[in-house]
Amino acid sequence: MKKNNRTVAGITLGFFLVALASIMPAHAQTPLSPLGDKNQRLLGLTTPTGLTVIPIFEGSYENEDGSVTYSFGYLNRNTNEVVETAISEGNFIEPAEYNGVQPTTFQTGRHTGVFTVTVPASERDGEVWWHIKSGENDILKVPGRRGRLGYTLDKKPRPAGSLAPVIWATEGGPRGSDPMALFVEEVLTVKAGAPVTLTVSAEDPSVRDMTDDRNAKGIPLRAYWSKFQGPIGAEVTFERHPSSPEPEPVTEAAASRGAKPAGPNETKMIGGKGTANVLATFTQPGDYLIRTMVDNWEAIDSTEADQCCWSNMYQKITVTP
């Protein structure tokens, strides 16, 4: 959670909206589609394709050794276009020594805390800039910097006890939590077109009031897989693994609030602990990086809007012909 109250959060959101309006290229502010798409007509803020990917600085974590970790996310303003931008002059981080950890595949919508950059104590008062150019749009950039009210993050328990899940790839292997990523050391080699099982194990360390009916049945963990880096234009398709529980149908009330059925690239670990699997198929040879995100967002005090509570894991995949 950010160390601010609702008023500061509102002010922060206001600054973001003003900044968003100021960086929209003129050619993107086109009239609404005449095709009658209700979603396009609500406010004219999004259209299916051709708009920018906006880099977002989420905030900074102060580490015990004096180093600082900057968290970044993005907003893909397109409603029907996954944007891909290779690590190049159109997608880079400065200083150059931190370049290469950012995504090259940008899913539609808002994605919070997708990667972090940690700078040593000697550079804690400097800045880290992320630049993105999407399609024919202007290049956009955002700085990571510490010490700004409303952008100071922490890993403390939330009001009802929620913490980020602890995750690991192999039993007895390294563990990690929070957006500060866990990078799997082992490189998985697979053949193009052949399904492979991707696995993550997790446990929720949160301590909650079990007399509260909202916690009585336990809070499930959700695992979500996506292409993070890889050959431009190469698809990664996901299928539900036989071990995954069938997703619960979305209620009418939830659907009215924008909830969607679970995709084949996500599953749950009931009871807040366990192992989750997914089947992934890579269409083209090359080197990929898959992001696995595990969250407990069904808890009453856990939400990405408050920068809690999820953990990232990245796995390198080499795909051969």
Foldseek 3Di string as FASTA:
>chain_A
DAPDDPVVLVVVVVVVVVVVVVQWDPVLQDDFDPPPDPVCPPPNQAEADDGDKAKAWQAWEQDPQQKIKTFIWIAARHPHDWFFDAQDPQWFKPPRVQTDFAFRIHDHGTDTRQAMDIDHNVCQQPWMKIWHDTDPGDIYMDIHHHDDRRRYDDQDAFPFFFGAKWKDQDVPDDIDFASHEAEDPDEAEEAAPDKDKGKMWIATPGDGDCVPPLDVQHQKKKKFKDWGYKDPPKDKDKAADPVFDDWDDDDPVNVVVPDDTDDRRMGIDGRRTDMGMMIIHINDFTKTKMKMKMFRQSDPGADVSNSDGMHIYIHIYGYDD
